[in-house]
Amino acid sequence: MARGQDAVFSTEVKVVNVLATVRNKTGSLAGDLSQDDFSLLEDGRPQAIRYFARETNLPLTLGLLIDTSGSQRKVINDERGASLRFLDQVVRPQDQVFLMQFDSAVQIRQPLTSSVGKLDDALAYVDTETMSQLRRQDGGGTLLYDAVARASDDVMKKEKNRKALILLTDGVDIGSYGSLADAIEAAQRADTLVYSILYSDPGAYGFLSGRDGKGVLEKMSNDTGGSFFTVSKKQPVDRIYEILEEELRNQYSLGYVSDRPVTISGFRTIQLTARTKGLTVQARHRYWAQR
């Protein structure tokens, strides 16, 4: 395939697709690399990169997952406004986005659509649980892990384009049926990146204020090849969305066919690096090899 062409992957061959973001020492995106600038290993064995493309124009399937548990009551308005501005900038006719909220339940507010108007309408109904609801549910819950697993299994697994979930949450899970490992594996099986945005109200948990979801969100993003962000005064949620938009529009897509046929389904490790010193590659570390 000629360098610079859009990547078209045959369904007859089991192509492993790896999305990568590359940054230099200053943290700026490195957007002028070629196929020969990368080295790829699977389970420690070198692999030949057969497909290569810059992901500036290829379709994007995006899931926006918003934590609407009681701990987010003071930040939900900022999240809604920033999310709408982000979607207005990012969504193109060839892209698809769905909107999910999670608290003591997981709800898809808007199925996959290219309409920013529909997403805007759905966002207006994304809100935290009322006090009466929380009382009926003995304090409510935050089904973070279950939301990621459901988004991956029910929506993303069926899609073929570039795929990413954006999490707006304080990272604290309360009551999920599944575990953090289950959520990560579901995203990996669906070939989906997870971008986590830690947005918390420090006083939300009262005497349990020591709860911190940073480690959880960092692991979820790192293991799937996404990025982790923390909302702060220096880096408000609108600025994070600007950085995220830049990343999504400056990815590399690399495809290869494993030198080892799949005889037993299981996870295989991936190590993608840049040959030039000083460049950091952000990509998933493993994939599900389906027999």
Protein backbone atom coordinates (compact mmCIF):
# COMPACT_ATOMS: atom_id res chain seq x y z
CA MET A 1 0.00 0.00 0.00
CA ALA A 2 1.39 3.40 -0.91
CA ARG A 3 2.33 5.62 1.99
CA GLY A 4 -0.13 8.40 2.68
CA GLN A 5 -3.19 6.57 1.29
CA ASP A 6 -6.18 5.85 3.49
CA ALA A 7 -5.98 2.46 5.15
CA VAL A 8 -8.48 -0.09 3.81
CA PHE A 9 -8.32 -3.35 5.72
CA SER A 10 -9.53 -6.58 4.13
CA THR A 11 -12.06 -8.61 6.09
CA GLU A 12 -10.49 -11.80 4.68
CA VAL A 13 -7.25 -11.23 6.60
CA LYS A 14 -7.03 -10.86 10.38
CA VAL A 15 -5.43 -7.45 10.56
CA VAL A 16 -4.43 -6.10 13.96
CA ASN A 17 -5.00 -2.35 13.99
CA VAL A 18 -3.05 -0.15 16.38
CA LEU A 19 -3.86 3.54 16.88
CA ALA A 20 -0.97 5.63 18.15
CA THR A 21 -0.30 9.16 19.36
CA VAL A 22 3.32 10.30 19.31
CA ARG A 23 4.80 13.21 21.26
CA ASN A 24 8.29 14.72 21.38
CA LYS A 25 10.31 15.78 24.44
CA THR A 26 8.36 19.03 24.80
CA GLY A 27 5.03 17.21 24.75
CA SER A 28 4.06 18.44 21.29
CA LEU A 29 2.46 16.05 18.81
CA ALA A 30 4.82 14.54 16.24
CA GLY A 31 2.74 14.56 13.09
CA ASP A 32 5.24 13.98 10.31
CA LEU A 33 6.34 10.39 10.87
CA SER A 34 6.35 7.62 8.28
CA GLN A 35 5.85 3.87 8.50
CA ASP A 36 9.61 3.33 8.71
CA ASP A 37 9.81 5.43 11.87
CA PHE A 38 8.04 2.74 13.92
CA SER A 39 9.07 -0.61 15.38
CA LEU A 40 6.38 -3.16 16.31
CA LEU A 41 6.63 -6.32 18.42
CA GLU A 42 3.96 -8.91 19.25
CA ASP A 43 4.78 -11.05 22.28
CA GLY A 44 8.39 -9.95 21.76
CA ARG A 45 8.55 -10.96 18.06
CA PRO A 46 9.13 -8.30 15.34
CA GLN A 47 6.13 -7.73 13.05
CA ALA A 48 5.98 -6.24 9.55
CA ILE A 49 3.75 -3.15 9.40
CA ARG A 50 1.59 -3.72 6.33
CA TYR A 51 -0.81 -0.78 6.56
CA PHE A 52 -0.08 2.78 7.57
CA ALA A 53 -2.14 5.97 7.57
CA ARG A 54 -2.41 9.33 9.24
CA GLU A 55 -5.81 9.44 10.92
CA THR A 56 -6.80 12.99 10.04
CA ASN A 57 -9.83 12.18 7.89
CA LEU A 58 -10.88 8.62 8.62
CA PRO A 59 -14.23 8.20 10.43
CA LEU A 60 -14.40 8.28 14.22
CA THR A 61 -16.84 6.46 16.49
CA LEU A 62 -16.98 8.18 19.85
CA GLY A 63 -18.76 7.43 23.10
CA LEU A 64 -19.19 10.18 25.71
CA LEU A 65 -19.74 8.65 29.18
CA ILE A 66 -20.76 11.11 31.90
CA ASP A 67 -20.77 10.35 35.62
CA THR A 68 -24.11 11.62 36.98
CA SER A 69 -23.80 10.25 40.51
CA GLY A 70 -24.38 12.55 43.47
CA SER A 71 -20.67 13.32 43.81
CA GLN A 72 -20.78 15.19 40.48
CA ARG A 73 -23.68 17.51 41.35
CA LYS A 74 -21.53 20.65 41.58
CA VAL A 75 -19.61 20.06 38.34
CA ILE A 76 -22.29 18.63 36.03
CA ASN A 77 -23.20 21.99 34.46
CA ASP A 78 -19.58 22.65 33.46
CA GLU A 79 -19.34 19.12 32.05
CA ARG A 80 -22.48 19.55 29.95
CA GLY A 81 -21.40 22.89 28.49
CA ALA A 82 -17.86 21.79 27.68
CA SER A 83 -19.11 18.53 26.16
CA LEU A 84 -21.45 20.35 23.81
CA ARG A 85 -18.73 22.74 22.66
CA PHE A 86 -16.36 19.81 22.11
CA LEU A 87 -18.88 17.83 20.06
CA ASP A 88 -19.73 20.91 18.00
CA GLN A 89 -16.04 21.19 17.06
CA VAL A 90 -15.27 17.51 16.54
CA VAL A 91 -18.26 15.77 14.96
CA ARG A 92 -18.21 15.61 11.16
CA PRO A 93 -20.79 13.96 8.83
CA GLN A 94 -18.70 10.76 8.65
CA ASP A 95 -18.37 10.47 12.45
CA GLN A 96 -20.75 8.78 14.90
CA VAL A 97 -21.23 9.61 18.60
CA PHE A 98 -23.32 8.12 21.37
CA LEU A 99 -24.07 9.57 24.79
CA MET A 100 -24.23 7.53 28.00
CA GLN A 101 -24.73 8.52 31.63
CA PHE A 102 -24.04 6.38 34.67
CA ASP A 103 -24.89 6.59 38.36
CA SER A 104 -26.81 3.84 40.15
CA ALA A 105 -27.86 2.77 36.65
CA VAL A 106 -26.33 2.90 33.17
CA GLN A 107 -28.37 4.64 30.47
CA ILE A 108 -27.73 5.40 26.82
CA ARG A 109 -29.21 8.88 26.40
CA GLN A 110 -28.52 9.09 22.67
CA PRO A 111 -27.64 6.15 20.40
CA LEU A 112 -25.01 6.58 17.69
CA THR A 113 -25.68 9.66 15.59
CA SER A 114 -23.88 12.25 13.46
CA SER A 115 -26.33 14.95 14.54
CA VAL A 116 -24.91 17.48 16.99
CA GLY A 117 -28.47 18.74 17.44
CA LYS A 118 -29.62 15.34 18.76
CA LEU A 119 -26.59 15.17 21.05
CA ASP A 120 -27.33 18.69 22.31
CA ASP A 121 -30.93 17.74 23.08
CA ALA A 122 -29.80 14.57 24.88
CA LEU A 123 -27.18 16.43 26.92
CA ALA A 124 -29.89 18.69 28.31
CA TYR A 125 -31.39 15.64 30.06
CA VAL A 126 -28.09 14.40 31.50
CA ASP A 127 -28.29 15.29 35.17
CA THR A 128 -27.41 13.93 38.60
CA GLU A 129 -29.86 11.91 40.63
CA THR A 130 -32.27 13.82 42.84
CA MET A 131 -32.09 13.58 46.62
CA SER A 132 -35.30 11.54 46.68
CA GLN A 133 -33.81 9.08 44.20
CA LEU A 134 -30.68 8.78 46.32
CA ARG A 135 -32.74 8.12 49.44
CA ARG A 136 -34.72 5.41 47.68
CA GLN A 137 -31.46 3.77 46.57
CA ASP A 138 -29.73 3.98 49.98
CA GLY A 139 -27.25 6.59 48.76
CA GLY A 140 -27.06 5.60 45.11
CA GLY A 141 -24.10 4.21 43.23
CA THR A 142 -21.54 4.90 40.52
CA LEU A 143 -21.42 2.07 38.00
CA LEU A 144 -18.25 3.26 36.27
CA TYR A 145 -16.81 -0.16 35.40
CA ASP A 146 -20.15 -1.49 34.20
CA ALA A 147 -20.65 1.61 32.01
CA VAL A 148 -17.30 1.12 30.26
CA ALA A 149 -17.99 -2.60 29.77
CA ARG A 150 -21.48 -2.00 28.41
CA ALA A 151 -20.32 0.77 26.06
CA SER A 152 -17.58 -1.53 24.76
CA ASP A 153 -19.65 -4.72 24.45
CA ASP A 154 -22.98 -3.30 23.29
CA VAL A 155 -21.81 -0.49 21.01
CA MET A 156 -18.10 -0.38 20.18
CA LYS A 157 -17.53 -4.08 19.47
CA LYS A 158 -19.87 -3.82 16.46
CA GLU A 159 -18.12 -0.78 14.95
CA LYS A 160 -15.21 -0.86 12.47
CA ASN A 161 -13.91 2.73 12.48
CA ARG A 162 -11.49 4.39 14.89
CA LYS A 163 -13.10 4.00 18.30
CA ALA A 164 -12.73 5.95 21.54
CA LEU A 165 -14.60 6.40 24.81
CA ILE A 166 -14.37 9.66 26.73
CA LEU A 167 -15.02 9.35 30.48
CA LEU A 168 -16.04 12.37 32.56
CA THR A 169 -15.91 11.16 36.17
CA ASP A 170 -14.18 11.36 39.53
CA GLY A 171 -13.09 7.76 38.96
CA VAL A 172 -14.75 6.33 42.08
CA ASP A 173 -16.79 3.18 41.39
CA ILE A 174 -19.56 2.20 43.78
CA GLY A 175 -21.62 -0.89 43.10
CA SER A 176 -20.50 -2.19 39.70
CA TYR A 177 -21.08 -5.86 39.02
CA GLY A 178 -17.80 -6.07 37.13
CA SER A 179 -14.27 -5.08 38.14
CA LEU A 180 -11.74 -2.60 36.78
CA ALA A 181 -10.03 -5.49 34.97
CA ASP A 182 -13.37 -6.46 33.38
CA ALA A 183 -13.87 -2.91 32.10
CA ILE A 184 -10.36 -2.71 30.64
CA GLU A 185 -10.65 -6.12 28.97
CA ALA A 186 -14.01 -5.18 27.42
CA ALA A 187 -12.48 -2.05 25.89
CA GLN A 188 -9.45 -4.00 24.65
CA ARG A 189 -11.61 -6.69 23.06
CA ALA A 190 -13.56 -3.93 21.29
CA ASP A 191 -10.33 -2.24 20.09
CA THR A 192 -11.42 0.93 21.87
CA LEU A 193 -9.26 3.67 23.38
CA VAL A 194 -10.37 5.15 26.71
CA TYR A 195 -9.72 8.83 27.37
CA SER A 196 -10.31 9.65 31.04
CA ILE A 197 -11.04 13.12 32.39
CA LEU A 198 -10.85 13.29 36.19
CA TYR A 199 -13.32 15.95 37.32
CA SER A 200 -14.06 15.87 41.02
CA ASP A 201 -15.71 17.90 43.76
CA PRO A 202 -13.29 17.62 46.71
CA GLY A 203 -16.09 17.88 49.26
CA ALA A 204 -18.46 15.40 47.64
CA TYR A 205 -17.67 12.46 49.93
CA GLY A 206 -17.62 14.28 53.27
CA PHE A 207 -15.68 12.23 55.81
CA LEU A 208 -14.72 9.87 52.97
CA SER A 209 -12.99 12.71 51.14
CA GLY A 210 -9.84 10.60 50.76
CA ARG A 211 -11.45 8.69 47.89
CA ASP A 212 -9.39 9.22 44.76
CA GLY A 213 -10.09 7.71 41.36
CA LYS A 214 -6.88 8.92 39.71
CA GLY A 215 -5.12 5.56 39.75
CA VAL A 216 -8.14 3.79 38.31
CA LEU A 217 -8.53 6.24 35.43
CA GLU A 218 -4.81 6.34 34.67
CA LYS A 219 -4.71 2.54 34.40
CA MET A 220 -7.82 2.39 32.23
CA SER A 221 -6.40 4.92 29.77
CA ASN A 222 -2.85 3.59 29.80
CA ASP A 223 -3.89 -0.02 29.21
CA THR A 224 -6.17 0.85 26.27
CA GLY A 225 -3.90 3.43 24.60
CA GLY A 226 -5.86 6.56 25.54
CA SER A 227 -4.88 9.60 27.62
CA PHE A 228 -5.59 10.68 31.18
CA PHE A 229 -6.39 14.27 32.19
CA THR A 230 -7.18 16.06 35.45
CA VAL A 231 -9.42 19.13 35.52
CA SER A 232 -7.84 22.00 37.46
CA LYS A 233 -7.81 25.79 37.53
CA LYS A 234 -4.78 25.77 35.24
CA GLN A 235 -6.34 23.16 32.95
CA PRO A 236 -10.14 23.55 32.82
CA VAL A 237 -12.32 20.99 31.08
CA ASP A 238 -12.61 23.13 27.93
CA ARG A 239 -8.81 23.15 27.55
CA ILE A 240 -8.67 19.39 28.06
CA TYR A 241 -11.22 18.93 25.29
CA GLU A 242 -9.05 21.08 22.99
CA ILE A 243 -6.05 18.82 23.68
CA LEU A 244 -8.21 15.73 23.16
CA GLU A 245 -9.54 17.02 19.85
CA GLU A 246 -5.95 17.62 18.69
CA GLU A 247 -4.98 14.06 19.65
CA LEU A 248 -7.95 12.51 17.88
CA ARG A 249 -7.09 14.41 14.70
CA ASN A 250 -3.37 13.54 14.78
CA GLN A 251 -3.23 9.79 15.26
CA TYR A 252 -1.37 7.16 13.29
CA SER A 253 -3.04 3.92 12.29
CA LEU A 254 -0.77 0.92 11.85
CA GLY A 255 -1.95 -2.48 10.71
CA TYR A 256 -0.20 -5.84 10.69
CA VAL A 257 -0.96 -9.51 10.26
CA SER A 258 0.55 -11.62 13.03
CA ASP A 259 3.32 -14.03 12.08
CA ARG A 260 1.69 -16.56 14.39
CA PRO A 261 -1.77 -17.83 13.37
CA VAL A 262 -4.41 -17.88 16.09
CA THR A 263 -5.04 -21.44 17.27
CA ILE A 264 -6.33 -20.52 20.73
CA SER A 265 -8.15 -17.24 21.47
CA GLY A 266 -6.39 -15.03 23.98
CA PHE A 267 -4.68 -11.72 24.64
CA ARG A 268 -1.37 -10.95 22.94
CA THR A 269 1.02 -8.15 23.90
CA ILE A 270 1.93 -5.29 21.59
CA GLN A 271 4.98 -3.07 21.90
CA LEU A 272 5.00 -0.12 19.52
CA THR A 273 7.96 2.26 19.69
CA ALA A 274 9.46 5.06 17.61
CA ARG A 275 12.94 4.53 16.17
CA THR A 276 13.86 8.17 16.79
CA LYS A 277 15.06 8.97 20.31
CA GLY A 278 13.04 11.43 22.32
CA LEU A 279 9.67 10.37 20.93
CA THR A 280 7.03 8.79 23.17
CA VAL A 281 4.41 6.51 21.61
CA GLN A 282 1.01 6.17 23.25
CA ALA A 283 -0.79 3.01 22.11
CA ARG A 284 -2.50 -0.05 23.53
CA HIS A 285 -0.32 -2.75 25.03
CA ARG A 286 -2.29 -5.83 24.03
CA TYR A 287 -5.17 -7.07 21.87
CA TRP A 288 -7.62 -9.95 21.82
CA ALA A 289 -6.63 -12.55 19.22
CA GLN A 290 -9.87 -14.27 18.20
CA ARG A 291 -9.64 -17.78 16.75
